[in-house]
Protein backbone atom coordinates (compact mmCIF):
# COMPACT_ATOMS: atom_id res chain seq x y z
CA UNK A 1 0.00 0.00 0.00
CA UNK A 2 1.35 3.43 -0.90
CA UNK A 3 0.35 6.94 0.16
CA UNK A 4 1.39 10.13 -1.64
CA UNK A 5 0.51 13.80 -2.06
CA UNK A 6 0.73 15.82 -5.27
CA UNK A 7 1.32 18.88 -3.02
CA UNK A 8 4.67 17.78 -1.50
CA UNK A 9 7.12 14.87 -1.79
CA UNK A 10 7.68 12.42 1.04
CA UNK A 11 10.08 14.17 3.41
CA UNK A 12 9.60 17.51 1.63
CA UNK A 13 8.23 20.85 2.76
CA UNK A 14 4.48 21.27 3.14
CA UNK A 15 3.41 24.45 1.27
CA UNK A 16 2.18 27.40 3.38
CA UNK A 17 -1.38 27.14 2.02
CA UNK A 18 -1.84 23.96 4.08
CA UNK A 19 -0.60 25.56 7.34
CA UNK A 20 -2.96 26.82 10.04
CA UNK A 21 -2.05 30.46 9.34
CA UNK A 22 -1.59 30.12 5.59
CA UNK A 23 -5.09 29.05 4.63
CA UNK A 24 -5.66 25.88 6.66
CA UNK A 25 -6.53 23.96 3.50
CA UNK A 26 -6.32 20.19 3.76
CA UNK A 27 -3.74 18.80 1.31
CA UNK A 28 -4.63 16.38 -1.47
CA UNK A 29 -3.69 12.75 -0.79
CA UNK A 30 -3.76 9.71 -3.05
CA UNK A 31 -3.18 6.02 -2.38
CA UNK A 32 -2.87 2.75 -4.23
CA UNK A 33 -2.37 -0.97 -3.72
CA UNK A 34 -5.01 -1.29 -1.00
CA UNK A 35 -5.13 -4.89 0.33
CA UNK A 36 -8.08 -6.85 -1.09
CA UNK A 37 -9.43 -7.68 2.41
CA UNK A 38 -9.84 -3.96 3.24
CA UNK A 39 -13.35 -3.02 4.41
CA UNK A 40 -12.55 0.61 5.27
CA UNK A 41 -9.65 3.06 5.58
CA UNK A 42 -8.63 5.53 8.26
CA UNK A 43 -6.25 8.48 7.98
CA UNK A 44 -4.40 10.17 10.83
CA UNK A 45 -2.13 13.22 10.49
CA UNK A 46 0.00 14.00 13.50
CA UNK A 47 3.05 15.96 14.62
CA UNK A 48 5.45 13.77 16.64
CA UNK A 49 7.67 16.81 17.35
CA UNK A 50 5.09 18.81 19.32
CA UNK A 51 6.45 19.98 22.72
CA UNK A 52 3.60 18.36 24.68
CA UNK A 53 3.80 15.04 22.82
CA UNK A 54 2.24 13.89 19.56
CA UNK A 55 -0.32 16.45 18.36
CA UNK A 56 -3.22 15.34 16.17
CA UNK A 57 -3.95 17.48 13.10
CA UNK A 58 -6.51 15.39 11.21
CA UNK A 59 -8.63 12.26 11.64
CA UNK A 60 -10.64 10.80 8.76
CA UNK A 61 -12.19 7.35 9.10
CA UNK A 62 -14.84 5.15 7.57
CA UNK A 63 -13.30 5.87 4.16
CA UNK A 64 -14.75 3.33 1.69
CA UNK A 65 -12.08 1.02 0.21
CA UNK A 66 -13.15 2.08 -3.30
CA UNK A 67 -12.03 5.67 -2.58
CA UNK A 68 -8.48 6.33 -3.82
CA UNK A 69 -7.94 9.95 -2.74
CA UNK A 70 -8.87 12.83 -0.51
CA UNK A 71 -9.16 16.03 -2.51
CA UNK A 72 -7.61 19.30 -1.44
CA UNK A 73 -9.66 21.65 0.71
CA UNK A 74 -12.13 19.28 2.37
CA UNK A 75 -14.75 21.06 4.48
CA UNK A 76 -14.69 20.79 8.30
CA UNK A 77 -17.94 18.80 8.29
CA UNK A 78 -18.76 15.68 10.31
CA UNK A 79 -19.29 13.62 7.13
CA UNK A 80 -17.47 14.08 3.84
CA UNK A 81 -19.11 13.67 0.40
CA UNK A 82 -17.46 10.22 0.03
CA UNK A 83 -19.18 9.02 3.23
CA UNK A 84 -16.10 9.20 5.46
CA UNK A 85 -16.32 10.82 8.88
CA UNK A 86 -13.95 13.33 10.49
CA UNK A 87 -12.78 13.40 14.07
CA UNK A 88 -11.58 16.22 16.31
CA UNK A 89 -8.04 17.50 15.95
CA UNK A 90 -5.77 18.71 18.75
CA UNK A 91 -7.08 22.26 18.31
CA UNK A 92 -10.51 20.93 19.33
CA UNK A 93 -11.97 21.43 15.85
CA UNK A 94 -13.67 19.00 13.51
CA UNK A 95 -11.66 18.14 10.42
CA UNK A 96 -8.26 19.38 9.31
CA UNK A 97 -6.03 21.64 11.41
CA UNK A 98 -2.87 22.62 9.55
CA UNK A 99 0.71 22.75 10.78
CA UNK A 100 1.46 25.49 13.29
CA UNK A 101 4.72 24.62 15.06
CA UNK A 102 5.64 26.94 17.95
CA UNK A 103 9.26 27.01 16.76
CA UNK A 104 11.65 25.26 14.39
CA UNK A 105 10.78 22.64 11.79
CA UNK A 106 8.34 19.87 12.68
CA UNK A 107 7.51 16.61 10.94
CA UNK A 108 3.89 15.91 10.00
CA UNK A 109 3.14 12.25 9.43
CA UNK A 110 0.11 11.07 7.47
CA UNK A 111 -0.80 7.48 8.40
CA UNK A 112 -3.24 5.57 6.17
CA UNK A 113 -4.61 2.40 7.75
CA UNK A 114 -6.32 -0.40 5.82
CA UNK A 115 -8.86 -2.01 8.17
CA UNK A 116 -10.60 -5.37 8.05
CA UNK A 117 -13.78 -3.83 9.51
CA UNK A 118 -16.30 -1.21 8.49
CA UNK A 119 -15.67 1.23 11.30
CA UNK A 120 -18.78 2.06 13.33
CA UNK A 121 -17.46 5.21 14.98
CA UNK A 122 -19.48 8.45 14.92
CA UNK A 123 -18.04 11.70 13.60
CA UNK A 124 -16.17 13.84 16.11
CA UNK A 125 -14.14 11.03 17.67
CA UNK A 126 -10.82 11.67 19.39
CA UNK A 127 -7.51 10.06 18.45
CA UNK A 128 -7.80 7.80 21.50
CA UNK A 129 -11.29 6.64 20.46
CA UNK A 130 -10.10 5.99 16.91
CA UNK A 131 -7.02 4.09 18.11
CA UNK A 132 -9.18 1.89 20.34
CA UNK A 133 -11.63 1.22 17.52
CA UNK A 134 -8.99 0.19 14.96
CA UNK A 135 -6.28 -1.30 17.19
CA UNK A 136 -6.92 -4.98 16.39
CA UNK A 137 -8.18 -4.46 12.85
CA UNK A 138 -5.24 -2.88 10.96
CA UNK A 139 -4.23 -4.96 7.94
CA UNK A 140 -1.59 -2.58 6.61
CA UNK A 141 -0.30 0.96 7.09
CA UNK A 142 1.20 3.43 4.61
CA UNK A 143 2.85 6.73 5.54
CA UNK A 144 4.03 9.97 4.04
CA UNK A 145 5.84 12.66 5.99
CA UNK A 146 6.05 16.36 5.26
CA UNK A 147 7.92 19.09 7.10
CA UNK A 148 6.76 22.56 8.03
CA UNK A 149 8.88 25.35 9.48
CA UNK A 150 7.86 27.96 12.03
CA UNK A 151 7.89 31.42 10.40
CA UNK A 152 8.65 33.54 13.46
CA UNK A 153 6.25 36.36 14.22
CA UNK A 154 5.03 36.88 10.68
CA UNK A 155 1.96 35.19 9.36
CA UNK A 156 2.34 32.85 6.42
CA UNK A 157 0.84 33.86 3.09
CA UNK A 158 -1.56 31.55 1.34
CA UNK A 159 0.44 30.74 -1.75
């Protein structure tokens, strides 16, 4: 299973438009080679470099296995047009919350999980609730990592 983004290469810089201050637009993601036993997919974006421990930026789950991408700029709604549901990020908001490191350059890891269950978890779940729900049902995981750098006191431009 492979996960990619047309917006940035694995290990590359995440453009400002996807940052919290630069537009807070969710980046486009694509995947392929989903295991045939997959009944649903779940996506987690987190920052392992956050000062207080891993910070959650995005939770999307209940993604049908026939779906091969998440388009750029998804709305912060409980349910997406493809039927997937969104959880709460570390900012306390539903949907995507872009990078906003307090200082330095942080890594942002997108984890795509292929699950052998159709996840029965309502929208608005926390990372802990999602982890509990999928813990024993992960068939395979794919990852992509992007980096984002703190821009000091100035606000990022949406570019």
